[in-house]
Amino acid sequence: MSGSLLDADAVIGCPHGGRVAPATTHSGGVRLAGAAVATAAHSYVVTGCPHTVDGVPAPCVTARWTADGTGVTVDGRPVLLDTSAAQCFSAALVPQGPPVLQAAQRKVTVR
């Protein structure tokens, strides 16, 4: 399994153009270029999603990642990679599609 590490500076959007940002502070001892590495312990919120269904607003409000079983951890939590499974959700927890990653950090390969 391989992929690029997600960190606090990753530029992420919902599939409709909203902005995905950490809802919890990225902390811990592992940093890339000064930004904390994201782990499965972090949660994300979506703002500015314009999505509608039949003219009714149905914006993405959260994004959730499922950490891969890479065995790589930070503070005991699995790291998130750009290849990790992810989904954006509405307030009613309806899946809205995967987040769009525009920038990530260094490549990691786990064997």
C-alpha atoms as a PDB file:
ATOM      1  CA  MET A   1       0.000   0.000   0.000  1.00  0.00           C
ATOM      2  CA  SER A   2       1.341   3.441  -0.802  1.00  0.00           C
ATOM      3  CA  GLY A   3       0.171   7.012  -0.892  1.00  0.00           C
ATOM      4  CA  SER A   4       0.918  10.549   0.194  1.00  0.00           C
ATOM      5  CA  LEU A   5       0.529  11.530   3.828  1.00  0.00           C
ATOM      6  CA  LEU A   6      -2.285  13.917   4.684  1.00  0.00           C
ATOM      7  CA  ASP A   7      -1.350  16.744   7.009  1.00  0.00           C
ATOM      8  CA  ALA A   8      -2.875  19.889   8.474  1.00  0.00           C
ATOM      9  CA  ASP A   9      -1.901  21.857   5.339  1.00  0.00           C
ATOM     10  CA  ALA A  10      -3.536  19.486   2.825  1.00  0.00           C
ATOM     11  CA  VAL A  11      -5.950  21.290   0.484  1.00  0.00           C
ATOM     12  CA  ILE A  12      -9.147  19.239   0.403  1.00  0.00           C
ATOM     13  CA  GLY A  13     -12.578  19.923  -1.086  1.00  0.00           C
ATOM     14  CA  CYS A  14     -15.922  18.165  -1.170  1.00  0.00           C
ATOM     15  CA  PRO A  15     -17.068  16.818  -4.565  1.00  0.00           C
ATOM     16  CA  HIS A  16     -19.258  19.943  -5.028  1.00  0.00           C
ATOM     17  CA  GLY A  17     -16.625  22.579  -4.323  1.00  0.00           C
ATOM     18  CA  GLY A  18     -16.927  23.071  -0.556  1.00  0.00           C
ATOM     19  CA  ARG A  19     -13.833  23.341   1.631  1.00  0.00           C
ATOM     20  CA  VAL A  20     -12.870  20.426   3.906  1.00  0.00           C
ATOM     21  CA  ALA A  21     -10.948  21.487   7.010  1.00  0.00           C
ATOM     22  CA  PRO A  22      -9.919  19.820  10.256  1.00  0.00           C
ATOM     23  CA  ALA A  23     -12.499  20.168  13.031  1.00  0.00           C
ATOM     24  CA  THR A  24      -9.970  18.981  15.577  1.00  0.00           C
ATOM     25  CA  THR A  25      -6.484  20.286  16.116  1.00  0.00           C
ATOM     26  CA  HIS A  26      -3.712  18.239  14.593  1.00  0.00           C
ATOM     27  CA  SER A  27      -1.193  17.728  17.329  1.00  0.00           C
ATOM     28  CA  GLY A  28       1.528  15.265  18.057  1.00  0.00           C
ATOM     29  CA  GLY A  29       5.197  14.945  17.503  1.00  0.00           C
ATOM     30  CA  VAL A  30       5.309  14.027  13.817  1.00  0.00           C
ATOM     31  CA  ARG A  31       5.347  16.963  11.424  1.00  0.00           C
ATOM     32  CA  LEU A  32       6.109  17.429   7.739  1.00  0.00           C
ATOM     33  CA  ALA A  33       7.422  20.880   6.840  1.00  0.00           C
ATOM     34  CA  GLY A  34       5.910  22.132  10.102  1.00  0.00           C
ATOM     35  CA  ALA A  35       2.429  20.654   9.568  1.00  0.00           C
ATOM     36  CA  ALA A  36       1.130  17.847  11.791  1.00  0.00           C
ATOM     37  CA  VAL A  37       0.420  14.508  10.113  1.00  0.00           C
ATOM     38  CA  ALA A  38      -3.313  13.663   9.986  1.00  0.00           C
ATOM     39  CA  THR A  39      -4.494  10.493  11.712  1.00  0.00           C
ATOM     40  CA  ALA A  40      -7.722   8.547  12.094  1.00  0.00           C
ATOM     41  CA  ALA A  41      -8.294  10.482  15.337  1.00  0.00           C
ATOM     42  CA  HIS A  42      -8.978  13.734  13.442  1.00  0.00           C
ATOM     43  CA  SER A  43     -12.414  14.803  12.273  1.00  0.00           C
ATOM     44  CA  TYR A  44     -13.206  17.147   9.385  1.00  0.00           C
ATOM     45  CA  VAL A  45     -15.957  19.673   8.606  1.00  0.00           C
ATOM     46  CA  VAL A  46     -17.103  20.942   5.226  1.00  0.00           C
ATOM     47  CA  THR A  47     -18.027  24.585   4.650  1.00  0.00           C
ATOM     48  CA  GLY A  48     -19.365  26.328   1.576  1.00  0.00           C
ATOM     49  CA  CYS A  49     -20.803  23.262  -0.155  1.00  0.00           C
ATOM     50  CA  PRO A  50     -23.410  24.414  -2.720  1.00  0.00           C
ATOM     51  CA  HIS A  51     -24.943  20.954  -3.308  1.00  0.00           C
ATOM     52  CA  THR A  52     -28.721  20.766  -3.781  1.00  0.00           C
ATOM     53  CA  VAL A  53     -31.136  17.916  -4.440  1.00  0.00           C
ATOM     54  CA  ASP A  54     -34.223  18.880  -6.470  1.00  0.00           C
ATOM     55  CA  GLY A  55     -33.565  22.537  -5.587  1.00  0.00           C
ATOM     56  CA  VAL A  56     -33.320  21.854  -1.837  1.00  0.00           C
ATOM     57  CA  PRO A  57     -29.968  22.585  -0.164  1.00  0.00           C
ATOM     58  CA  ALA A  58     -28.214  19.351   0.846  1.00  0.00           C
ATOM     59  CA  PRO A  59     -24.645  20.464   1.510  1.00  0.00           C
ATOM     60  CA  CYS A  60     -21.798  18.289   2.643  1.00  0.00           C
ATOM     61  CA  VAL A  61     -21.079  19.057   6.317  1.00  0.00           C
ATOM     62  CA  THR A  62     -18.537  16.414   7.350  1.00  0.00           C
ATOM     63  CA  ALA A  63     -15.857  14.251   5.770  1.00  0.00           C
ATOM     64  CA  ARG A  64     -14.650  10.965   7.237  1.00  0.00           C
ATOM     65  CA  TRP A  65     -11.588   8.940   6.388  1.00  0.00           C
ATOM     66  CA  THR A  66     -11.035   5.259   7.022  1.00  0.00           C
ATOM     67  CA  ALA A  67      -7.398   4.641   7.868  1.00  0.00           C
ATOM     68  CA  ASP A  68      -5.697   1.982   5.780  1.00  0.00           C
ATOM     69  CA  GLY A  69      -4.149  -0.977   7.527  1.00  0.00           C
ATOM     70  CA  THR A  70      -0.613   0.220   6.733  1.00  0.00           C
ATOM     71  CA  GLY A  71       0.704  -0.267  10.251  1.00  0.00           C
ATOM     72  CA  VAL A  72       2.069   3.306  10.205  1.00  0.00           C
ATOM     73  CA  THR A  73       0.880   5.246  13.247  1.00  0.00           C
ATOM     74  CA  VAL A  74       1.365   8.611  14.943  1.00  0.00           C
ATOM     75  CA  ASP A  75       0.621   8.760  18.665  1.00  0.00           C
ATOM     76  CA  GLY A  76      -0.850   5.250  18.336  1.00  0.00           C
ATOM     77  CA  ARG A  77      -3.364   6.281  15.643  1.00  0.00           C
ATOM     78  CA  PRO A  78      -3.205   5.141  11.998  1.00  0.00           C
ATOM     79  CA  VAL A  79      -2.024   7.861   9.595  1.00  0.00           C
ATOM     80  CA  LEU A  80      -4.259   9.048   6.766  1.00  0.00           C
ATOM     81  CA  LEU A  81      -3.046   8.806   3.180  1.00  0.00           C
ATOM     82  CA  ASP A  82      -4.472  10.316   0.006  1.00  0.00           C
ATOM     83  CA  THR A  83      -5.342   6.723  -0.931  1.00  0.00           C
ATOM     84  CA  SER A  84      -7.328   6.131   2.295  1.00  0.00           C
ATOM     85  CA  ALA A  85     -11.054   5.563   1.772  1.00  0.00           C
ATOM     86  CA  ALA A  86     -13.062   8.724   2.479  1.00  0.00           C
ATOM     87  CA  GLN A  87     -16.609  10.021   2.167  1.00  0.00           C
ATOM     88  CA  CYS A  88     -18.380  13.369   2.557  1.00  0.00           C
ATOM     89  CA  PHE A  89     -21.761  13.379   4.308  1.00  0.00           C
ATOM     90  CA  SER A  90     -24.787  15.663   4.571  1.00  0.00           C
ATOM     91  CA  ALA A  91     -26.240  16.679   7.942  1.00  0.00           C
ATOM     92  CA  ALA A  92     -28.592  13.678   7.590  1.00  0.00           C
ATOM     93  CA  LEU A  93     -25.504  11.434   7.174  1.00  0.00           C
ATOM     94  CA  VAL A  94     -26.299  10.776   3.512  1.00  0.00           C
ATOM     95  CA  PRO A  95     -23.101   9.900   1.601  1.00  0.00           C
ATOM     96  CA  GLN A  96     -22.345  12.659  -0.937  1.00  0.00           C
ATOM     97  CA  GLY A  97     -19.178  11.360  -2.574  1.00  0.00           C
ATOM     98  CA  PRO A  98     -15.458  11.251  -1.820  1.00  0.00           C
ATOM     99  CA  PRO A  99     -13.463  14.357  -0.941  1.00  0.00           C
ATOM    100  CA  VAL A 100     -11.140  15.778  -3.578  1.00  0.00           C
ATOM    101  CA  LEU A 101      -7.527  16.091  -2.494  1.00  0.00           C
ATOM    102  CA  GLN A 102      -5.679  18.917  -4.230  1.00  0.00           C
ATOM    103  CA  ALA A 103      -2.379  18.777  -2.351  1.00  0.00           C
ATOM    104  CA  ALA A 104      -0.649  16.280  -0.062  1.00  0.00           C
ATOM    105  CA  GLN A 105       2.799  15.701   1.400  1.00  0.00           C
ATOM    106  CA  ARG A 106       5.513  13.125   0.851  1.00  0.00           C
ATOM    107  CA  LYS A 107       4.976   9.659  -0.541  1.00  0.00           C
ATOM    108  CA  VAL A 108       4.994   6.668   1.832  1.00  0.00           C
ATOM    109  CA  THR A 109       5.310   3.052   0.744  1.00  0.00           C
ATOM    110  CA  VAL A 110       4.437   0.234   3.158  1.00  0.00           C
ATOM    111  CA  ARG A 111       5.277  -3.359   2.350  1.00  0.00           C
END
